[in-house]
Amino acid sequence: MVEVPAEVSSKGIKPLKVELPREVIPMLRTQAEIQKLSAEAASEGSIEKVAKAVLLDPVVNDAGSGLKAMAELIQANLDMLPRFSKGDVEELYSLIRR
């Protein structure tokens, strides 16, 4: 899904071209990489990629808190994340304790 400005008419929806300031491109690349790592982590069950996504995110001010939040989210949603297990959650918690 991509969010872009658009014109809506009886003929349909027409996306509008947007010129982004070059200063935001590095931030967008970082966010795109975080999203890619997150999707790969979920589809592969990769705790390593979960950790990389958390540590790469500039919004995460404290690695331990970010990893703890991800462990809690994965634990709460194990039924919808079949590639992860309780052992994976414990692995995340062990990364925090290091």
Protein backbone atom coordinates (compact mmCIF):
# COMPACT_ATOMS: atom_id res chain seq x y z
CA MET A 1 0.00 0.00 0.00
CA VAL A 2 1.27 3.45 -0.89
CA GLU A 3 -0.24 6.68 0.35
CA VAL A 4 -0.13 9.49 -2.20
CA PRO A 5 -2.21 12.55 -2.97
CA ALA A 6 -4.80 11.85 -5.64
CA GLU A 7 -7.60 13.41 -7.63
CA VAL A 8 -10.90 11.60 -7.36
CA SER A 9 -13.57 11.97 -10.02
CA SER A 10 -16.29 9.99 -11.71
CA LYS A 11 -13.53 8.61 -13.97
CA GLY A 12 -11.70 7.09 -11.01
CA ILE A 13 -8.71 7.87 -8.88
CA LYS A 14 -5.65 9.50 -10.42
CA PRO A 15 -2.47 9.59 -8.28
CA LEU A 16 -0.64 12.90 -8.32
CA LYS A 17 3.11 13.11 -8.82
CA VAL A 18 4.90 14.39 -5.74
CA GLU A 19 8.40 15.81 -5.66
CA LEU A 20 9.98 15.06 -2.32
CA PRO A 21 12.73 17.27 -0.95
CA ARG A 22 16.02 15.44 -1.31
CA GLU A 23 16.64 15.88 2.42
CA VAL A 24 13.91 13.34 3.27
CA ILE A 25 15.17 10.62 0.92
CA PRO A 26 17.68 9.13 3.44
CA MET A 27 14.96 8.95 6.10
CA LEU A 28 12.61 7.22 3.67
CA ARG A 29 15.29 4.73 2.68
CA THR A 30 15.90 3.91 6.34
CA GLN A 31 12.17 3.43 6.98
CA ALA A 32 11.85 1.28 3.85
CA GLU A 33 14.70 -0.94 5.06
CA ILE A 34 13.08 -1.23 8.50
CA GLN A 35 9.78 -2.28 6.89
CA LYS A 36 11.57 -4.77 4.63
CA LEU A 37 13.42 -6.30 7.59
CA SER A 38 10.17 -6.47 9.57
CA ALA A 39 8.32 -8.25 6.77
CA GLU A 40 11.20 -10.67 6.24
CA ALA A 41 11.40 -11.31 9.99
CA ALA A 42 7.71 -12.20 10.13
CA SER A 43 7.77 -14.43 7.04
CA GLU A 44 11.01 -16.20 8.03
CA GLY A 45 10.62 -16.22 11.81
CA SER A 46 13.97 -14.45 12.09
CA ILE A 47 14.72 -12.99 15.51
CA GLU A 48 17.95 -11.59 14.06
CA LYS A 49 15.95 -9.50 11.57
CA VAL A 50 13.53 -8.41 14.30
CA ALA A 51 16.49 -7.15 16.31
CA LYS A 52 18.07 -5.43 13.30
CA ALA A 53 14.80 -3.65 12.49
CA VAL A 54 14.46 -2.43 16.08
CA LEU A 55 18.07 -1.29 16.31
CA LEU A 56 17.94 0.46 12.93
CA ASP A 57 14.81 2.45 13.79
CA PRO A 58 15.76 6.04 14.69
CA VAL A 59 12.56 6.38 16.73
CA VAL A 60 13.75 3.71 19.17
CA ASN A 61 15.68 5.64 21.81
CA ASP A 62 16.55 2.64 23.98
CA ALA A 63 17.46 -0.72 22.43
CA GLY A 64 16.37 -2.69 25.50
CA SER A 65 12.95 -1.07 25.55
CA GLY A 66 12.51 -1.57 21.81
CA LEU A 67 13.46 -5.25 21.98
CA LYS A 68 11.22 -5.74 25.02
CA ALA A 69 8.30 -4.15 23.16
CA MET A 70 8.88 -6.48 20.19
CA ALA A 71 9.11 -9.52 22.48
CA GLU A 72 5.81 -8.54 24.08
CA LEU A 73 4.15 -7.94 20.70
CA ILE A 74 5.34 -11.26 19.30
CA GLN A 75 4.28 -13.07 22.49
CA ALA A 76 0.81 -11.50 22.34
CA ASN A 77 0.42 -12.44 18.66
CA LEU A 78 2.06 -15.87 18.45
CA ASP A 79 -1.19 -17.28 17.07
CA MET A 80 -0.86 -14.98 14.04
CA LEU A 81 2.91 -15.36 13.67
CA PRO A 82 3.35 -19.06 12.95
CA ARG A 83 7.08 -18.74 12.21
CA PHE A 84 7.77 -17.60 15.78
CA SER A 85 7.69 -19.59 19.00
CA LYS A 86 7.92 -18.95 22.73
CA GLY A 87 11.60 -19.83 22.39
CA ASP A 88 12.04 -16.94 19.97
CA VAL A 89 10.46 -14.58 22.50
CA GLU A 90 12.92 -15.86 25.12
CA GLU A 91 15.76 -15.26 22.66
CA LEU A 92 14.70 -11.62 22.36
CA TYR A 93 14.62 -11.29 26.14
CA SER A 94 18.12 -12.81 26.30
CA LEU A 95 19.36 -10.10 23.92
CA ILE A 96 18.06 -7.49 26.35
CA ARG A 97 19.94 -9.05 29.26
CA ARG A 98 23.30 -8.94 27.43
